[in-house]
Amino acid sequence: MADSFLSDKSAKVFVAGHRGLVGSAIVRRLRHLGFANLVLRTHAELDLTRQSDVEAFFATEKPRFVILAAAKVGGIHANSTYPADFISINLQIQTNVIDSAYKHG
């Protein structure tokens, strides 16, 4: 899979979480490698916790590759104060993205 990904620089690549620390580094690297068809959506444009929105996005955009770097994050205090909230939201995000990616090939 890695060879086909790196060899197809024109492929549509969805990077979920492109404005975060990890996601922004991934986008910079992909652009450096010559990927020109990156699909990027802010949280305001696409709420990854809403299954119907994610499903509609995948049906419309049909990305060939998906990189999942999106997550609800907080500082040490927030993480220790609301651990169940963070894990619940992050599980929703990953489940919605993986499920829709699978359904749409």
N, C-alpha and C. Protein backbone atom coordinates (compact mmCIF):
# COMPACT_ATOMS: atom_id res chain seq x y z
N MET A 1 0.82 -1.19 0.00
CA MET A 1 0.00 0.00 0.00
C MET A 1 0.87 1.26 0.00
N ALA A 2 1.94 1.27 0.74
CA ALA A 2 2.79 2.47 0.82
C ALA A 2 3.35 2.83 -0.55
N ASP A 3 3.78 1.82 -1.31
CA ASP A 3 4.33 2.11 -2.64
C ASP A 3 3.29 2.76 -3.54
N SER A 4 2.06 2.23 -3.56
CA SER A 4 1.04 2.79 -4.42
C SER A 4 0.63 4.19 -3.96
N PHE A 5 0.63 4.42 -2.65
CA PHE A 5 0.31 5.74 -2.13
C PHE A 5 1.36 6.75 -2.57
N LEU A 6 2.61 6.46 -2.37
CA LEU A 6 3.68 7.40 -2.71
C LEU A 6 3.86 7.57 -4.21
N SER A 7 3.44 6.59 -4.98
CA SER A 7 3.63 6.69 -6.43
C SER A 7 2.49 7.43 -7.12
N ASP A 8 1.39 7.66 -6.45
CA ASP A 8 0.25 8.34 -7.07
C ASP A 8 0.05 9.71 -6.43
N LYS A 9 0.85 10.66 -6.85
CA LYS A 9 0.82 12.01 -6.26
C LYS A 9 -0.41 12.81 -6.67
N SER A 10 -1.15 12.31 -7.66
CA SER A 10 -2.37 13.01 -8.08
C SER A 10 -3.61 12.50 -7.35
N ALA A 11 -3.45 11.45 -6.54
CA ALA A 11 -4.59 10.87 -5.83
C ALA A 11 -5.19 11.87 -4.84
N LYS A 12 -6.49 11.78 -4.68
CA LYS A 12 -7.20 12.63 -3.73
C LYS A 12 -6.94 12.07 -2.33
N VAL A 13 -6.34 12.90 -1.46
CA VAL A 13 -5.97 12.47 -0.11
C VAL A 13 -6.69 13.37 0.91
N PHE A 14 -7.52 12.75 1.72
CA PHE A 14 -8.21 13.47 2.80
C PHE A 14 -7.36 13.38 4.05
N VAL A 15 -6.97 14.55 4.57
CA VAL A 15 -6.24 14.60 5.84
C VAL A 15 -7.18 15.19 6.88
N ALA A 16 -7.71 14.32 7.72
CA ALA A 16 -8.60 14.76 8.80
C ALA A 16 -7.75 15.28 9.95
N GLY A 17 -8.04 16.49 10.37
CA GLY A 17 -7.26 17.10 11.45
C GLY A 17 -6.05 17.87 10.93
N HIS A 18 -6.17 18.44 9.76
CA HIS A 18 -5.04 19.09 9.10
C HIS A 18 -4.54 20.36 9.80
N ARG A 19 -5.32 20.90 10.73
CA ARG A 19 -4.88 22.12 11.40
C ARG A 19 -4.22 21.85 12.76
N GLY A 20 -4.21 20.61 13.19
CA GLY A 20 -3.58 20.25 14.45
C GLY A 20 -2.08 20.08 14.29
N LEU A 21 -1.43 19.80 15.39
CA LEU A 21 0.03 19.64 15.40
C LEU A 21 0.48 18.52 14.45
N VAL A 22 -0.10 17.36 14.59
CA VAL A 22 0.29 16.21 13.77
C VAL A 22 -0.21 16.38 12.34
N GLY A 23 -1.48 16.75 12.20
CA GLY A 23 -2.06 16.88 10.86
C GLY A 23 -1.38 17.93 10.01
N SER A 24 -1.03 19.05 10.60
CA SER A 24 -0.36 20.10 9.82
C SER A 24 1.03 19.66 9.37
N ALA A 25 1.71 18.87 10.18
CA ALA A 25 3.02 18.33 9.79
C ALA A 25 2.85 17.33 8.64
N ILE A 26 1.81 16.54 8.70
CA ILE A 26 1.53 15.58 7.62
C ILE A 26 1.25 16.33 6.32
N VAL A 27 0.44 17.38 6.38
CA VAL A 27 0.12 18.16 5.18
C VAL A 27 1.38 18.78 4.60
N ARG A 28 2.23 19.35 5.44
CA ARG A 28 3.48 19.94 4.95
C ARG A 28 4.33 18.89 4.24
N ARG A 29 4.42 17.71 4.82
CA ARG A 29 5.23 16.64 4.24
C ARG A 29 4.63 16.16 2.91
N LEU A 30 3.32 15.99 2.88
CA LEU A 30 2.68 15.57 1.63
C LEU A 30 2.91 16.59 0.52
N ARG A 31 2.78 17.87 0.85
CA ARG A 31 3.02 18.91 -0.15
C ARG A 31 4.47 18.89 -0.61
N HIS A 32 5.38 18.70 0.33
CA HIS A 32 6.81 18.60 0.00
C HIS A 32 7.08 17.43 -0.94
N LEU A 33 6.35 16.34 -0.75
CA LEU A 33 6.51 15.15 -1.60
C LEU A 33 5.82 15.31 -2.96
N GLY A 34 5.05 16.38 -3.13
CA GLY A 34 4.44 16.65 -4.42
C GLY A 34 2.96 16.31 -4.53
N PHE A 35 2.32 16.00 -3.42
CA PHE A 35 0.88 15.73 -3.46
C PHE A 35 0.13 17.04 -3.65
N ALA A 36 -0.70 17.10 -4.67
CA ALA A 36 -1.37 18.35 -5.02
C ALA A 36 -2.88 18.29 -4.84
N ASN A 37 -3.41 17.13 -4.53
CA ASN A 37 -4.86 16.98 -4.46
C ASN A 37 -5.29 16.62 -3.03
N LEU A 38 -4.91 17.48 -2.10
CA LEU A 38 -5.25 17.26 -0.69
C LEU A 38 -6.64 17.81 -0.42
N VAL A 39 -7.43 17.03 0.27
CA VAL A 39 -8.78 17.45 0.67
C VAL A 39 -8.71 17.79 2.15
N LEU A 40 -8.97 19.03 2.47
CA LEU A 40 -8.85 19.52 3.84
C LEU A 40 -10.14 20.20 4.25
N ARG A 41 -10.62 19.87 5.42
CA ARG A 41 -11.84 20.48 5.95
C ARG A 41 -11.62 20.87 7.40
N THR A 42 -12.03 22.08 7.75
CA THR A 42 -11.98 22.50 9.15
C THR A 42 -13.14 21.87 9.90
N HIS A 43 -13.10 21.97 11.21
CA HIS A 43 -14.19 21.45 12.02
C HIS A 43 -15.51 22.16 11.68
N ALA A 44 -15.42 23.46 11.39
CA ALA A 44 -16.63 24.21 11.03
C ALA A 44 -17.22 23.72 9.70
N GLU A 45 -16.37 23.24 8.81
CA GLU A 45 -16.83 22.75 7.51
C GLU A 45 -17.31 21.31 7.56
N LEU A 46 -16.73 20.51 8.46
CA LEU A 46 -17.09 19.10 8.56
C LEU A 46 -16.90 18.63 10.00
N ASP A 47 -18.01 18.35 10.67
CA ASP A 47 -17.97 17.86 12.05
C ASP A 47 -17.85 16.34 12.00
N LEU A 48 -16.67 15.85 12.31
CA LEU A 48 -16.40 14.42 12.19
C LEU A 48 -17.13 13.58 13.23
N THR A 49 -17.76 14.21 14.21
CA THR A 49 -18.55 13.46 15.19
C THR A 49 -19.97 13.20 14.68
N ARG A 50 -20.33 13.82 13.59
CA ARG A 50 -21.67 13.64 13.03
C ARG A 50 -21.60 12.65 11.87
N GLN A 51 -22.07 11.45 12.13
CA GLN A 51 -21.97 10.36 11.16
C GLN A 51 -22.57 10.73 9.81
N SER A 52 -23.73 11.35 9.80
CA SER A 52 -24.39 11.68 8.53
C SER A 52 -23.55 12.69 7.73
N ASP A 53 -22.91 13.63 8.41
CA ASP A 53 -22.05 14.61 7.72
C ASP A 53 -20.83 13.93 7.11
N VAL A 54 -20.23 13.02 7.87
CA VAL A 54 -19.05 12.31 7.39
C VAL A 54 -19.41 11.42 6.21
N GLU A 55 -20.55 10.75 6.32
CA GLU A 55 -21.02 9.89 5.23
C GLU A 55 -21.25 10.71 3.96
N ALA A 56 -21.89 11.85 4.08
CA ALA A 56 -22.14 12.71 2.92
C ALA A 56 -20.84 13.23 2.32
N PHE A 57 -19.90 13.58 3.17
CA PHE A 57 -18.59 14.06 2.70
C PHE A 57 -17.90 12.99 1.85
N PHE A 58 -17.84 11.76 2.36
CA PHE A 58 -17.18 10.69 1.63
C PHE A 58 -17.92 10.35 0.33
N ALA A 59 -19.23 10.41 0.35
CA ALA A 59 -20.01 10.14 -0.85
C ALA A 59 -19.72 11.19 -1.94
N THR A 60 -19.53 12.42 -1.52
CA THR A 60 -19.27 13.51 -2.46
C THR A 60 -17.81 13.56 -2.91
N GLU A 61 -16.90 13.54 -1.97
CA GLU A 61 -15.48 13.75 -2.26
C GLU A 61 -14.76 12.50 -2.78
N LYS A 62 -15.13 11.34 -2.29
CA LYS A 62 -14.53 10.07 -2.70
C LYS A 62 -13.00 10.09 -2.67
N PRO A 63 -12.41 10.38 -1.53
CA PRO A 63 -10.94 10.38 -1.47
C PRO A 63 -10.39 8.97 -1.68
N ARG A 64 -9.24 8.89 -2.31
CA ARG A 64 -8.60 7.58 -2.52
C ARG A 64 -7.87 7.13 -1.27
N PHE A 65 -7.26 8.09 -0.56
CA PHE A 65 -6.54 7.80 0.67
C PHE A 65 -7.05 8.69 1.79
N VAL A 66 -7.00 8.17 3.01
CA VAL A 66 -7.46 8.92 4.19
C VAL A 66 -6.38 8.84 5.26
N ILE A 67 -6.02 9.99 5.78
CA ILE A 67 -5.09 10.06 6.90
C ILE A 67 -5.86 10.68 8.05
N LEU A 68 -5.96 9.95 9.15
CA LEU A 68 -6.76 10.37 10.29
C LEU A 68 -5.86 10.90 11.41
N ALA A 69 -5.81 12.23 11.52
CA ALA A 69 -5.04 12.88 12.57
C ALA A 69 -5.94 13.77 13.42
N ALA A 70 -7.24 13.64 13.23
CA ALA A 70 -8.20 14.48 13.96
C ALA A 70 -8.47 13.91 15.34
N ALA A 71 -8.60 14.81 16.30
CA ALA A 71 -8.92 14.38 17.67
C ALA A 71 -9.35 15.58 18.49
N LYS A 72 -10.15 15.31 19.49
CA LYS A 72 -10.47 16.30 20.51
C LYS A 72 -9.29 16.27 21.48
N VAL A 73 -8.66 17.39 21.68
CA VAL A 73 -7.50 17.45 22.56
C VAL A 73 -7.67 18.57 23.58
N GLY A 74 -6.92 18.46 24.64
CA GLY A 74 -6.92 19.48 25.68
C GLY A 74 -5.61 19.41 26.44
N GLY A 75 -5.47 20.28 27.37
CA GLY A 75 -4.27 20.27 28.19
C GLY A 75 -4.36 19.19 29.27
N ILE A 76 -3.37 19.14 30.11
CA ILE A 76 -3.32 18.15 31.18
C ILE A 76 -4.54 18.25 32.07
N HIS A 77 -4.92 19.46 32.43
CA HIS A 77 -6.07 19.64 33.31
C HIS A 77 -7.36 19.14 32.65
N ALA A 78 -7.59 19.53 31.42
CA ALA A 78 -8.81 19.11 30.71
C ALA A 78 -8.85 17.60 30.54
N ASN A 79 -7.72 17.02 30.17
CA ASN A 79 -7.67 15.56 29.98
C ASN A 79 -7.95 14.80 31.26
N SER A 80 -7.46 15.30 32.37
CA SER A 80 -7.69 14.60 33.64
C SER A 80 -9.06 14.91 34.22
N THR A 81 -9.64 16.05 33.88
CA THR A 81 -10.95 16.42 34.39
C THR A 81 -12.08 15.75 33.60
N TYR A 82 -11.90 15.62 32.29
CA TYR A 82 -12.94 15.09 31.41
C TYR A 82 -12.45 13.91 30.57
N PRO A 83 -11.86 12.90 31.17
CA PRO A 83 -11.29 11.82 30.35
C PRO A 83 -12.33 11.06 29.54
N ALA A 84 -13.51 10.83 30.09
CA ALA A 84 -14.54 10.09 29.35
C ALA A 84 -15.04 10.89 28.16
N ASP A 85 -15.15 12.20 28.31
CA ASP A 85 -15.60 13.05 27.20
C ASP A 85 -14.62 12.98 26.04
N PHE A 86 -13.34 13.07 26.35
CA PHE A 86 -12.33 13.05 25.29
C PHE A 86 -12.33 11.71 24.56
N ILE A 87 -12.35 10.61 25.29
CA ILE A 87 -12.31 9.31 24.64
C ILE A 87 -13.59 9.05 23.85
N SER A 88 -14.72 9.49 24.36
CA SER A 88 -15.98 9.30 23.67
C SER A 88 -16.00 10.04 22.34
N ILE A 89 -15.60 11.29 22.36
CA ILE A 89 -15.57 12.10 21.13
C ILE A 89 -14.56 11.53 20.14
N ASN A 90 -13.39 11.12 20.63
CA ASN A 90 -12.37 10.59 19.74
C ASN A 90 -12.77 9.25 19.14
N LEU A 91 -13.50 8.46 19.90
CA LEU A 91 -14.01 7.20 19.34
C LEU A 91 -15.07 7.46 18.27
N GLN A 92 -15.90 8.49 18.48
CA GLN A 92 -16.89 8.86 17.47
C GLN A 92 -16.19 9.27 16.18
N ILE A 93 -15.19 10.12 16.31
CA ILE A 93 -14.45 10.60 15.14
C ILE A 93 -13.84 9.42 14.38
N GLN A 94 -13.10 8.57 15.08
CA GLN A 94 -12.43 7.48 14.37
C GLN A 94 -13.43 6.50 13.77
N THR A 95 -14.51 6.21 14.49
CA THR A 95 -15.49 5.27 13.97
C THR A 95 -16.18 5.83 12.73
N ASN A 96 -16.57 7.08 12.77
CA ASN A 96 -17.25 7.69 11.62
C ASN A 96 -16.35 7.74 10.39
N VAL A 97 -15.11 8.15 10.59
CA VAL A 97 -14.19 8.27 9.45
C VAL A 97 -13.84 6.89 8.89
N ILE A 98 -13.48 5.96 9.76
CA ILE A 98 -13.10 4.62 9.28
C ILE A 98 -14.29 3.94 8.60
N ASP A 99 -15.46 4.03 9.20
CA ASP A 99 -16.65 3.40 8.63
C ASP A 99 -16.99 3.98 7.26
N SER A 100 -16.98 5.29 7.13
CA SER A 100 -17.30 5.92 5.85
C SER A 100 -16.22 5.64 4.81
N ALA A 101 -14.97 5.64 5.23
CA ALA A 101 -13.88 5.32 4.30
C ALA A 101 -14.05 3.90 3.77
N TYR A 102 -14.38 2.99 4.63
CA TYR A 102 -14.59 1.61 4.24
C TYR A 102 -15.77 1.49 3.27
N LYS A 103 -16.89 2.12 3.63
CA LYS A 103 -18.10 2.04 2.80
C LYS A 103 -17.88 2.61 1.40
N HIS A 104 -17.02 3.61 1.31
CA HIS A 104 -16.82 4.29 0.03
C HIS A 104 -15.52 3.87 -0.66
N GLY A 105 -14.97 2.79 -0.21
CA GLY A 105 -13.82 2.20 -0.87
C GLY A 105 -12.53 2.94 -0.64
